Amino acid sequence: MSNLKKSCMVDYSEKIFSASKDELKLLPKDGIRTVVCYGHFNVIHPGHMRYLKYAKTLGNCLIVALQDDAMLQDPEGQKYFSQEERAEALSSLHILDYVVTLDNGNLPEFVELVRPSVMVLGSEHELDKNEMVDNAIFILEKNEGEIIYHAGDTHYANTDLLHIKIDDLEQEKINLYKNACRNQKLEIRKLEKRVKKIAESNILVIGDTIVDQYVGCDALGMSSEAPVLVVRELESKEYLGGAAIVASHVRALGAKCHFISVIGNDIHANYVSKELESSDVNTYFIKDDSRPTSYKIRYMVESQKLFRVSRLKEHKISTKIEDLIIKKINELSPSLDGIIISDFVYGVITERIIRGIKNIVKENKIKLFADVQCSSQIGSVLKYKDFDLVFPTEKEARIALDNNVEGIEWIANKLLDKLSSKEVLVKLGSEGFIAYSKQSDGFVLKQHFPALTVNPVDVTGAGDSMMAAMAGCISSGGDLMEASAIGACMASLSVREIGNTPINKEQLSQFMRYIDS
């Protein structure tokens, strides 16, 4: 191993050190404020990144002291990756300067040799005392080091582009994706076969229909009368939105698709009917004169959205309409493999509808999926208890649990318990998502999949496309991790152009081949 530079900027291959005395002597000391983090980092996800990013602000050299295999004590079986594999994954992160592999729990000896200025531990260590960690803290403080407990700041945006070039960041995301697939023993080329099997499924989509209009504008400047931005409309285009685009994605991927929704008696309803009919989606629409078809207008200059205007009614549907919907689901249920609820909290998905669906599913082997978009409306993901898979954003999960303090791991595990669910997927916007699966022995298997498109054109509908692909995969026999790998690619494709357009199986397979190249 070559000598280290004081700048701490080294190649990935040079970032991994063992905790031997001779190697640790090579770590920089003079003029360097060293920060140490500690843990097993079995599956790296954005919760870890927030923790590491916070730690990085406290000094100019960030080192992770990595637990050895013996310390993990895995009585359930091979649930943890080897220290070598974990170290390799950590070394690929641009935010880290060094990874030091500990041996036989020698954290105190490591702290004595390195003498960091700061050691940052996850907030769980403050309550869950450990003799080895306590000894390390004693040595740290004896050497005038500082101990900080922190889980990382909660945020819903990403600042990576401030620190790394876009091409390098995109490659890092692809590497993370490939590592995720390797972790779950998935071969990307074999996942293409799983995409083809989606065509064998029969899926019902139910939820709020939305029409999205995009208005392209020319920015004229600021009004002289008031501080108001003045634009001139150039042209506009309409797209399917809400549950309607979910149904279009499902059909484009080859699955047989039925769609149930409530629409108004207006021109927008006619547009939706015509578009879905041309896509070969089997529709069952109930017209309600009291509820105009939801219509959202986005004004934009080039790819930059200025603001959105929504025309909609949010009152719940009548009992008569509920009866019609439940009757139709009953008629379709014997042939269904999956039911997707796309709930924008505009009144179509009522508690009675949810109960009716759950009662129907008890009599048939039908997978249940739900996405409730309540970050800007009043709603809660907790109403989808006992579903096979739900798709909340981190913000929606935190709102449901009334918690903005704990780390993402705590949030996900609490959500699994509250939902009585075996699986949940937490969407993290530009950081991708984390898939969680509770095993029969109680162990929670998790995997982070990154957002593969670094500089998206339009993020509207990314979650809709991902849910359609994942529901199709699971309904046709795939598991959560296979579906997640496919869903990550589907979402990446959807954000590369303006507006929601159905993504077909050929486009998806081609993109997966590009990622694998």
Protein backbone atom coordinates (compact mmCIF):
# COMPACT_ATOMS: atom_id res chain seq x y z
CA MET A 1 0.00 0.00 0.00
CA SER A 2 1.35 3.40 -0.92
CA ASN A 3 1.83 6.23 1.54
CA LEU A 4 -1.30 8.30 2.16
CA LYS A 5 -1.62 11.94 1.20
CA LYS A 6 -2.64 14.45 3.79
CA SER A 7 -5.48 15.55 1.54
CA CYS A 8 -7.09 12.12 2.14
CA MET A 9 -7.93 11.90 -1.59
CA VAL A 10 -7.06 8.38 -2.74
CA ASP A 11 -8.31 5.77 -5.20
CA TYR A 12 -10.97 3.33 -4.01
CA SER A 13 -8.43 0.51 -3.98
CA GLU A 14 -6.31 2.46 -1.51
CA LYS A 15 -9.08 3.36 0.93
CA ILE A 16 -9.34 0.05 2.83
CA PHE A 17 -6.98 -0.58 5.77
CA SER A 18 -6.83 -3.27 8.41
CA ALA A 19 -6.61 -2.27 12.07
CA SER A 20 -3.04 -3.49 12.42
CA LYS A 21 -0.67 -1.14 14.21
CA ASP A 22 1.66 -0.85 11.21
CA GLU A 23 -1.09 0.09 8.76
CA LEU A 24 -2.77 2.56 11.09
CA LYS A 25 0.51 4.44 11.42
CA LEU A 26 0.03 5.45 7.78
CA LEU A 27 -3.19 7.31 8.52
CA PRO A 28 -2.73 11.10 8.48
CA LYS A 29 -2.46 12.95 11.79
CA ASP A 30 -0.67 16.30 11.53
CA GLY A 31 -3.02 19.12 10.58
CA ILE A 32 -5.91 16.70 10.05
CA ARG A 33 -9.13 16.72 12.05
CA THR A 34 -10.16 13.08 11.92
CA VAL A 35 -13.75 11.94 12.39
CA VAL A 36 -14.56 8.27 13.04
CA CYS A 37 -17.87 6.46 12.51
CA TYR A 38 -18.51 2.90 13.60
CA GLY A 39 -20.90 0.12 12.63
CA HIS A 40 -21.49 -2.97 10.51
CA PHE A 41 -22.96 -1.19 7.45
CA ASN A 42 -24.42 -4.43 6.16
CA VAL A 43 -26.58 -2.76 3.49
CA ILE A 44 -25.68 0.85 2.79
CA HIS A 45 -28.71 3.09 2.37
CA PRO A 46 -29.52 6.84 2.56
CA GLY A 47 -29.94 6.65 6.34
CA HIS A 48 -26.25 5.73 6.52
CA MET A 49 -25.41 8.48 4.03
CA ARG A 50 -27.11 11.12 6.19
CA TYR A 51 -25.16 9.85 9.19
CA LEU A 52 -21.88 9.95 7.25
CA LYS A 53 -22.58 13.36 5.69
CA TYR A 54 -23.22 14.83 9.12
CA ALA A 55 -19.99 13.31 10.42
CA LYS A 56 -18.08 14.72 7.44
CA THR A 57 -19.04 18.27 8.46
CA LEU A 58 -17.12 17.83 11.73
CA GLY A 59 -13.66 17.37 10.22
CA ASN A 60 -11.63 16.96 7.03
CA CYS A 61 -10.91 13.21 7.11
CA LEU A 62 -13.73 10.70 7.59
CA ILE A 63 -12.94 7.12 8.61
CA VAL A 64 -15.38 4.25 9.11
CA ALA A 65 -14.32 1.62 11.64
CA LEU A 66 -16.05 -1.49 10.31
CA GLN A 67 -17.20 -4.28 12.61
CA ASP A 68 -15.72 -7.69 11.88
CA ASP A 69 -17.78 -10.75 11.05
CA ALA A 70 -17.45 -12.33 14.51
CA MET A 71 -19.09 -9.29 16.14
CA LEU A 72 -22.32 -9.61 14.13
CA GLN A 73 -23.49 -12.77 15.92
CA ASP A 74 -25.91 -14.01 13.30
CA PRO A 75 -27.84 -16.92 14.84
CA GLU A 76 -30.53 -16.86 12.14
CA GLY A 77 -28.18 -17.77 9.29
CA GLN A 78 -26.28 -15.97 6.57
CA LYS A 79 -28.07 -12.62 6.82
CA TYR A 80 -24.95 -10.45 6.84
CA PHE A 81 -22.37 -9.90 4.13
CA SER A 82 -18.71 -10.56 4.86
CA GLN A 83 -16.50 -7.79 6.19
CA GLU A 84 -14.58 -7.79 2.92
CA GLU A 85 -17.78 -7.26 0.90
CA ARG A 86 -19.00 -4.55 3.27
CA ALA A 87 -15.64 -2.75 3.14
CA GLU A 88 -15.64 -2.83 -0.65
CA ALA A 89 -19.12 -1.31 -0.78
CA LEU A 90 -18.16 1.47 1.64
CA SER A 91 -14.95 2.29 -0.23
CA SER A 92 -16.94 3.21 -3.35
CA LEU A 93 -18.62 6.14 -1.55
CA HIS A 94 -17.05 9.45 -2.49
CA ILE A 95 -17.83 10.95 0.93
CA LEU A 96 -15.56 8.46 2.75
CA ASP A 97 -11.78 8.83 3.00
CA TYR A 98 -10.91 5.50 4.62
CA VAL A 99 -12.43 2.23 5.78
CA VAL A 100 -10.64 0.41 8.59
CA THR A 101 -11.57 -3.24 9.08
CA LEU A 102 -11.60 -4.11 12.78
CA ASP A 103 -10.64 -7.53 14.10
CA ASN A 104 -12.16 -9.26 17.13
CA GLY A 105 -13.94 -6.12 18.24
CA ASN A 106 -10.77 -4.06 18.72
CA LEU A 107 -12.50 -0.67 18.58
CA PRO A 108 -10.78 0.62 21.79
CA GLU A 109 -7.34 -0.26 20.40
CA PHE A 110 -8.22 1.44 17.11
CA VAL A 111 -9.27 4.63 18.91
CA GLU A 112 -6.05 4.60 20.95
CA LEU A 113 -3.90 4.33 17.81
CA VAL A 114 -5.79 6.77 15.58
CA ARG A 115 -6.78 9.28 18.29
CA PRO A 116 -9.63 10.86 16.32
CA SER A 117 -10.82 14.37 17.08
CA VAL A 118 -14.44 13.23 17.00
CA MET A 119 -16.28 9.91 17.07
CA VAL A 120 -19.87 9.94 15.80
CA LEU A 121 -22.12 7.09 16.84
CA GLY A 122 -25.73 6.40 15.87
CA SER A 123 -28.25 7.65 18.41
CA GLU A 124 -29.12 4.04 19.36
CA HIS A 125 -25.69 3.71 21.06
CA GLU A 126 -26.63 6.42 23.56
CA LEU A 127 -29.30 4.16 25.08
CA ASP A 128 -28.02 0.68 24.23
CA LYS A 129 -24.80 0.51 26.22
CA ASN A 130 -22.00 -1.81 25.12
CA GLU A 131 -18.83 -2.52 27.09
CA MET A 132 -16.52 -2.39 24.07
CA VAL A 133 -18.04 0.89 22.82
CA ASP A 134 -17.93 2.33 26.34
CA ASN A 135 -14.22 1.49 26.57
CA ALA A 136 -13.58 3.17 23.22
CA ILE A 137 -15.42 6.29 24.40
CA PHE A 138 -13.37 6.33 27.61
CA ILE A 139 -10.12 6.25 25.60
CA LEU A 140 -11.43 8.88 23.18
CA GLU A 141 -12.31 11.32 25.95
CA LYS A 142 -9.06 10.57 27.79
CA ASN A 143 -7.26 11.74 24.64
CA GLU A 144 -9.44 14.88 24.55
CA GLY A 145 -11.61 13.61 21.71
CA GLU A 146 -15.32 14.38 21.44
CA ILE A 147 -18.19 11.86 21.29
CA ILE A 148 -21.38 12.81 19.40
CA TYR A 149 -24.55 10.77 19.00
CA HIS A 150 -26.40 11.57 15.80
CA ALA A 151 -28.60 9.71 13.27
CA GLY A 152 -28.12 12.27 10.52
CA ASP A 153 -30.43 15.10 9.48
CA THR A 154 -33.85 14.33 8.00
CA HIS A 155 -34.21 15.93 4.56
CA TYR A 156 -36.10 15.36 1.32
CA ALA A 157 -33.59 16.70 -1.21
CA ASN A 158 -30.10 15.78 -2.35
CA THR A 159 -27.00 17.99 -2.61
CA ASP A 160 -24.57 15.50 -4.18
CA LEU A 161 -24.19 17.59 -7.34
CA LEU A 162 -22.49 20.27 -5.22
CA HIS A 163 -19.64 17.85 -4.52
CA ILE A 164 -19.27 15.55 -7.52
CA LYS A 165 -19.51 15.85 -11.29
CA ILE A 166 -22.71 14.61 -12.87
CA ASP A 167 -20.98 11.89 -14.92
CA ASP A 168 -19.14 10.60 -11.85
CA LEU A 169 -22.31 10.69 -9.78
CA GLU A 170 -24.25 8.78 -12.41
CA GLN A 171 -21.55 6.10 -12.49
CA GLU A 172 -21.60 5.92 -8.70
CA LYS A 173 -25.38 5.37 -8.81
CA ILE A 174 -24.99 2.60 -11.38
CA ASN A 175 -22.31 0.98 -9.22
CA LEU A 176 -24.62 1.17 -6.20
CA TYR A 177 -27.41 -0.41 -8.23
CA LYS A 178 -25.15 -3.24 -9.38
CA ASN A 179 -23.95 -3.77 -5.80
CA ALA A 180 -27.58 -3.95 -4.66
CA CYS A 181 -28.30 -6.60 -7.28
CA ARG A 182 -25.19 -8.58 -6.27
CA ASN A 183 -26.20 -8.32 -2.60
CA GLN A 184 -29.55 -9.90 -3.45
CA LYS A 185 -28.00 -12.44 -5.85
CA LEU A 186 -29.79 -10.94 -8.82
CA GLU A 187 -28.42 -11.04 -12.35
CA ILE A 188 -29.68 -8.11 -14.39
CA ARG A 189 -29.83 -10.12 -17.63
CA LYS A 190 -32.04 -12.70 -15.89
CA LEU A 191 -34.33 -9.95 -14.65
CA GLU A 192 -35.33 -9.37 -18.28
CA LYS A 193 -37.05 -12.77 -18.17
CA ARG A 194 -38.93 -11.60 -15.09
CA VAL A 195 -40.07 -8.51 -17.03
CA LYS A 196 -41.46 -10.77 -19.77
CA LYS A 197 -43.43 -12.78 -17.19
CA ILE A 198 -45.39 -9.65 -16.21
CA ALA A 199 -47.50 -10.38 -19.31
CA GLU A 200 -48.85 -13.46 -17.52
CA SER A 201 -50.55 -11.39 -14.80
CA ASN A 202 -54.06 -9.98 -14.62
CA ILE A 203 -54.20 -6.78 -12.58
CA LEU A 204 -56.93 -4.41 -11.42
CA VAL A 205 -56.07 -0.75 -10.83
CA ILE A 206 -58.47 1.38 -8.83
CA GLY A 207 -58.14 5.01 -7.76
CA ASP A 208 -58.40 8.68 -8.60
CA THR A 209 -58.28 9.66 -12.27
CA ILE A 210 -56.30 12.80 -13.07
CA VAL A 211 -55.55 14.64 -16.30
CA ASP A 212 -52.25 16.54 -16.28
CA GLN A 213 -51.85 19.50 -18.60
CA TYR A 214 -48.39 20.99 -19.21
CA VAL A 215 -48.33 24.56 -20.49
CA GLY A 216 -45.08 25.67 -22.11
CA CYS A 217 -44.43 29.37 -21.55
CA ASP A 218 -42.08 32.16 -22.54
CA ALA A 219 -40.79 34.15 -19.56
CA LEU A 220 -41.36 37.86 -20.20
CA GLY A 221 -40.03 39.18 -16.90
CA MET A 222 -41.38 40.85 -13.79
CA SER A 223 -44.50 42.99 -13.82
CA SER A 224 -43.86 46.71 -13.21
CA GLU A 225 -47.13 46.95 -11.26
CA ALA A 226 -46.38 44.22 -8.68
CA PRO A 227 -43.69 41.61 -7.96
CA VAL A 228 -45.39 39.07 -10.22
CA LEU A 229 -43.69 36.88 -12.82
CA VAL A 230 -45.16 37.46 -16.29
CA VAL A 231 -45.22 34.63 -18.84
CA ARG A 232 -46.75 34.09 -22.25
CA GLU A 233 -48.39 30.76 -23.07
CA LEU A 234 -46.87 29.05 -26.10
CA GLU A 235 -48.51 25.62 -26.30
CA SER A 236 -49.92 22.89 -24.09
CA LYS A 237 -50.22 19.11 -23.95
CA GLU A 238 -52.32 16.74 -21.87
CA TYR A 239 -51.25 13.48 -20.24
CA LEU A 240 -52.95 10.80 -18.20
CA GLY A 241 -52.26 11.08 -14.48
CA GLY A 242 -53.16 9.52 -11.15
CA ALA A 243 -54.43 5.95 -11.22
CA ALA A 244 -55.06 6.20 -14.98
CA ILE A 245 -51.35 6.34 -15.82
CA VAL A 246 -50.68 3.42 -13.44
CA ALA A 247 -53.14 1.35 -15.48
CA SER A 248 -51.47 2.47 -18.72
CA HIS A 249 -48.04 1.41 -17.43
CA VAL A 250 -49.39 -1.99 -16.34
CA ARG A 251 -50.87 -2.62 -19.78
CA ALA A 252 -47.77 -1.34 -21.61
CA LEU A 253 -45.69 -3.88 -19.69
CA GLY A 254 -47.84 -6.62 -21.16
CA ALA A 255 -50.19 -7.48 -18.29
CA LYS A 256 -53.93 -7.67 -18.73
CA CYS A 257 -55.31 -4.60 -16.97
CA HIS A 258 -58.71 -3.50 -15.65
CA PHE A 259 -59.29 0.02 -14.40
CA ILE A 260 -62.06 1.23 -12.08
CA SER A 261 -62.52 4.92 -11.32
CA VAL A 262 -65.01 7.75 -10.88
CA ILE A 263 -64.93 10.57 -13.42
CA GLY A 264 -66.93 13.65 -14.24
CA ASN A 265 -69.31 14.25 -17.11
CA ASP A 266 -66.88 16.46 -19.02
CA ILE A 267 -64.39 16.67 -21.88
CA HIS A 268 -61.53 15.54 -19.64
CA ALA A 269 -63.38 12.29 -18.92
CA ASN A 270 -63.74 11.78 -22.65
CA TYR A 271 -59.99 12.27 -23.08
CA VAL A 272 -59.22 9.65 -20.42
CA SER A 273 -61.66 7.14 -21.92
CA LYS A 274 -60.22 7.56 -25.40
CA GLU A 275 -56.58 7.26 -24.24
CA LEU A 276 -57.17 4.14 -22.15
CA GLU A 277 -59.25 2.53 -24.87
CA SER A 278 -56.41 3.05 -27.35
CA SER A 279 -54.03 1.45 -24.82
CA ASP A 280 -56.27 -1.64 -24.55
CA VAL A 281 -57.07 -1.11 -20.86
CA ASN A 282 -60.44 -2.56 -19.78
CA THR A 283 -62.18 0.40 -18.12
CA TYR A 284 -65.14 0.63 -15.79
CA PHE A 285 -65.99 4.28 -15.23
CA ILE A 286 -68.74 5.64 -13.03
CA LYS A 287 -69.75 9.19 -13.93
CA ASP A 288 -70.56 11.54 -11.09
CA ASP A 289 -71.86 15.00 -12.04
CA SER A 290 -70.84 16.35 -8.61
CA ARG A 291 -67.19 15.43 -9.23
CA PRO A 292 -65.52 16.93 -12.30
CA THR A 293 -62.56 14.90 -13.55
CA SER A 294 -59.50 16.09 -11.60
CA TYR A 295 -57.40 18.39 -13.77
CA LYS A 296 -53.95 19.74 -12.95
CA ILE A 297 -52.22 22.45 -14.94
CA ARG A 298 -48.46 22.91 -14.70
CA TYR A 299 -46.97 26.08 -16.12
CA MET A 300 -43.35 25.81 -17.13
CA VAL A 301 -40.54 27.58 -18.93
CA GLU A 302 -38.53 24.95 -20.79
CA SER A 303 -38.12 22.13 -18.21
CA GLN A 304 -38.56 24.38 -15.15
CA LYS A 305 -42.00 24.24 -13.52
CA LEU A 306 -43.25 27.60 -12.25
CA PHE A 307 -46.41 26.55 -10.41
CA ARG A 308 -49.39 24.20 -10.56
CA VAL A 309 -53.13 24.87 -10.56
CA SER A 310 -55.45 22.02 -9.53
CA ARG A 311 -59.15 21.83 -10.45
CA LEU A 312 -60.75 19.12 -8.36
CA LYS A 313 -63.35 18.10 -5.80
CA GLU A 314 -62.32 16.09 -2.74
CA HIS A 315 -65.63 14.94 -1.23
CA LYS A 316 -66.06 11.18 -0.85
CA ILE A 317 -68.12 9.20 -3.31
CA SER A 318 -71.71 8.22 -2.45
CA THR A 319 -72.77 4.91 -0.97
CA LYS A 320 -74.46 4.04 -4.26
CA ILE A 321 -71.17 4.47 -6.14
CA GLU A 322 -69.33 2.47 -3.47
CA ASP A 323 -71.80 -0.38 -4.03
CA LEU A 324 -71.21 -0.32 -7.79
CA ILE A 325 -67.42 -0.40 -7.35
CA ILE A 326 -67.45 -3.27 -4.84
CA LYS A 327 -69.83 -5.24 -7.07
CA LYS A 328 -67.49 -4.81 -10.06
CA ILE A 329 -64.43 -5.88 -8.05
CA ASN A 330 -66.34 -8.98 -6.97
CA GLU A 331 -67.10 -9.81 -10.60
CA LEU A 332 -63.46 -9.46 -11.63
CA SER A 333 -61.85 -11.08 -8.58
CA PRO A 334 -61.79 -14.77 -9.67
CA SER A 335 -59.38 -13.98 -12.52
CA LEU A 336 -57.18 -11.39 -10.76
CA ASP A 337 -53.57 -11.84 -9.64
CA GLY A 338 -53.15 -8.36 -8.15
CA ILE A 339 -55.04 -5.22 -7.15
CA ILE A 340 -53.33 -1.82 -7.14
CA ILE A 341 -54.88 1.07 -5.21
CA SER A 342 -53.61 4.46 -6.38
CA ASP A 343 -55.03 6.83 -3.77
CA PHE A 344 -54.62 10.57 -4.17
CA VAL A 345 -57.10 11.18 -1.31
CA TYR A 346 -59.62 12.85 -3.63
CA GLY A 347 -62.55 10.78 -2.35
CA VAL A 348 -62.65 7.67 -4.56
CA ILE A 349 -60.85 5.33 -2.13
CA THR A 350 -63.05 5.25 0.96
CA GLU A 351 -62.72 3.13 4.10
CA ARG A 352 -65.64 1.05 2.88
CA ILE A 353 -63.96 0.42 -0.47
CA ILE A 354 -60.78 -0.71 1.33
CA ARG A 355 -62.74 -3.05 3.61
CA GLY A 356 -64.62 -4.43 0.62
CA ILE A 357 -61.39 -5.14 -1.26
CA LYS A 358 -59.81 -6.85 1.75
CA ASN A 359 -62.88 -9.07 2.20
CA ILE A 360 -62.79 -10.04 -1.48
CA VAL A 361 -59.06 -10.83 -1.32
CA LYS A 362 -59.61 -13.24 1.59
CA GLU A 363 -61.53 -15.53 -0.75
CA ASN A 364 -59.00 -15.30 -3.59
CA LYS A 365 -55.21 -15.44 -3.83
CA ILE A 366 -54.82 -11.82 -4.91
CA LYS A 367 -51.83 -9.60 -4.10
CA LEU A 368 -52.69 -6.19 -2.67
CA PHE A 369 -50.64 -3.04 -3.39
CA ALA A 370 -51.29 0.54 -2.32
CA ASP A 371 -49.82 3.99 -2.74
CA VAL A 372 -51.42 6.90 -0.92
CA GLN A 373 -50.16 10.34 -1.92
CA CYS A 374 -50.82 12.49 1.10
CA SER A 375 -47.80 14.77 1.38
CA SER A 376 -50.00 17.67 0.15
CA GLN A 377 -53.40 16.22 1.15
CA ILE A 378 -54.80 14.86 4.40
CA GLY A 379 -54.39 11.10 4.51
CA SER A 380 -52.42 8.29 6.08
CA VAL A 381 -50.69 5.20 4.77
CA LEU A 382 -51.74 3.39 7.97
CA LYS A 383 -55.20 2.73 6.51
CA TYR A 384 -53.59 0.09 4.26
CA LYS A 385 -53.05 -2.42 7.04
CA ASP A 386 -52.48 -6.08 6.05
CA PHE A 387 -51.62 -5.23 2.42
CA ASP A 388 -48.86 -7.14 0.66
CA LEU A 389 -46.87 -4.01 -0.19
CA VAL A 390 -47.32 -0.28 0.33
CA PHE A 391 -45.25 2.51 -1.22
CA PRO A 392 -45.04 5.58 1.08
CA THR A 393 -42.52 8.35 0.69
CA GLU A 394 -40.34 8.98 3.72
CA LYS A 395 -42.34 12.15 4.43
CA GLU A 396 -45.66 10.28 4.25
CA ALA A 397 -44.29 7.59 6.59
CA ARG A 398 -43.11 10.21 9.06
CA ILE A 399 -46.45 12.03 8.93
CA ALA A 400 -48.28 8.76 9.62
CA LEU A 401 -46.03 7.98 12.59
CA ASP A 402 -45.80 11.60 13.78
CA ASN A 403 -42.01 11.36 13.94
CA ASN A 404 -39.45 13.59 12.29
CA VAL A 405 -36.52 12.73 14.56
CA GLU A 406 -35.66 9.03 14.36
CA GLY A 407 -33.57 7.52 11.59
CA ILE A 408 -35.10 5.92 8.54
CA GLU A 409 -34.49 2.41 9.94
CA TRP A 410 -36.65 3.13 12.98
CA ILE A 411 -39.35 4.63 10.77
CA ALA A 412 -39.44 1.62 8.44
CA ASN A 413 -39.52 -0.97 11.21
CA LYS A 414 -42.24 0.92 13.07
CA LEU A 415 -44.26 1.14 9.86
CA LEU A 416 -43.96 -2.62 9.29
CA ASP A 417 -45.36 -3.21 12.78
CA LYS A 418 -48.18 -0.67 12.44
CA LEU A 419 -49.24 -2.02 9.05
CA SER A 420 -48.94 -5.68 10.16
CA SER A 421 -47.15 -6.05 6.87
CA LYS A 422 -44.32 -8.32 5.76
CA GLU A 423 -43.04 -5.82 3.21
CA VAL A 424 -42.85 -2.08 2.76
CA LEU A 425 -41.03 0.19 0.35
CA VAL A 426 -39.97 3.67 1.50
CA LYS A 427 -39.42 6.15 -1.34
CA LEU A 428 -36.63 8.67 -0.82
CA GLY A 429 -36.94 10.90 -3.88
CA SER A 430 -33.55 11.62 -5.44
CA GLU A 431 -31.97 9.04 -3.11
CA GLY A 432 -34.02 6.21 -4.58
CA PHE A 433 -35.85 3.87 -2.18
CA ILE A 434 -35.33 1.16 0.41
CA ALA A 435 -37.20 -2.15 0.23
CA TYR A 436 -37.89 -3.89 3.55
CA SER A 437 -39.01 -7.50 3.92
CA LYS A 438 -39.70 -9.09 7.31
CA GLN A 439 -38.64 -12.73 7.32
CA SER A 440 -40.47 -15.53 9.16
CA ASP A 441 -37.84 -15.44 11.94
CA GLY A 442 -38.33 -11.69 12.48
CA PHE A 443 -35.14 -10.61 10.68
CA VAL A 444 -35.81 -7.60 8.43
CA LEU A 445 -34.12 -7.98 5.06
CA LYS A 446 -33.52 -4.61 3.46
CA GLN A 447 -31.92 -3.23 0.35
CA HIS A 448 -31.39 0.28 -0.94
CA PHE A 449 -31.81 0.88 -4.67
CA PRO A 450 -30.53 4.27 -5.91
CA ALA A 451 -32.26 6.69 -8.25
CA LEU A 452 -30.42 5.96 -11.49
CA THR A 453 -31.19 9.26 -13.22
CA VAL A 454 -29.07 11.95 -11.59
CA ASN A 455 -30.55 15.03 -13.27
CA PRO A 456 -34.24 14.23 -13.96
CA VAL A 457 -36.35 16.25 -16.38
CA ASP A 458 -39.70 15.65 -14.63
CA VAL A 459 -40.15 13.56 -11.49
CA THR A 460 -43.96 13.58 -11.72
CA GLY A 461 -45.17 10.00 -11.93
CA ALA A 462 -41.92 8.23 -11.06
CA GLY A 463 -43.62 6.43 -8.18
CA ASP A 464 -46.61 5.51 -10.37
CA SER A 465 -44.43 3.83 -12.98
CA MET A 466 -42.37 2.04 -10.34
CA MET A 467 -45.46 0.71 -8.55
CA ALA A 468 -46.92 -0.58 -11.83
CA ALA A 469 -43.74 -2.50 -12.66
CA MET A 470 -43.27 -3.89 -9.16
CA ALA A 471 -46.91 -4.96 -8.80
CA GLY A 472 -46.72 -6.67 -12.19
CA CYS A 473 -43.53 -8.48 -11.21
CA ILE A 474 -44.81 -9.70 -7.83
CA SER A 475 -48.24 -10.65 -9.22
CA SER A 476 -46.53 -12.85 -11.79
CA GLY A 477 -44.41 -14.73 -9.24
CA GLY A 478 -41.46 -12.42 -8.56
CA ASP A 479 -40.21 -11.49 -5.10
CA LEU A 480 -39.71 -8.05 -3.55
CA MET A 481 -36.04 -7.70 -4.45
CA GLU A 482 -36.54 -8.74 -8.07
CA ALA A 483 -39.42 -6.29 -8.30
CA SER A 484 -37.35 -3.54 -6.69
CA ALA A 485 -34.49 -3.94 -9.18
CA ILE A 486 -36.99 -3.73 -12.04
CA GLY A 487 -38.89 -0.85 -10.42
CA ALA A 488 -35.73 1.24 -10.03
CA CYS A 489 -35.12 1.04 -13.78
CA MET A 490 -38.77 1.82 -14.54
CA ALA A 491 -38.69 4.94 -12.37
CA SER A 492 -35.44 6.09 -13.97
CA LEU A 493 -37.01 5.89 -17.43
CA SER A 494 -40.11 7.82 -16.37
CA VAL A 495 -38.20 10.91 -15.16
CA ARG A 496 -36.24 11.38 -18.38
CA GLU A 497 -39.00 13.20 -20.26
CA ILE A 498 -41.76 15.71 -19.59
CA GLY A 499 -45.12 14.30 -18.56
CA ASN A 500 -46.41 10.82 -17.88
CA THR A 501 -46.14 8.46 -20.85
CA PRO A 502 -46.61 4.68 -20.61
CA ILE A 503 -43.34 2.74 -20.56
CA ASN A 504 -43.44 -0.58 -22.38
CA LYS A 505 -41.54 -3.79 -21.71
CA GLU A 506 -39.17 -3.27 -24.67
CA GLN A 507 -38.06 0.13 -23.34
CA LEU A 508 -37.59 -1.30 -19.86
CA SER A 509 -35.54 -4.28 -21.07
CA GLN A 510 -33.37 -2.05 -23.26
CA PHE A 511 -32.62 0.26 -20.32
CA MET A 512 -31.72 -2.69 -18.10
CA ARG A 513 -29.28 -3.90 -20.74
CA TYR A 514 -27.73 -0.41 -20.83
CA ILE A 515 -27.24 -0.45 -17.03
CA ASP A 516 -25.70 -3.92 -17.22
CA SER A 517 -23.23 -2.98 -19.99
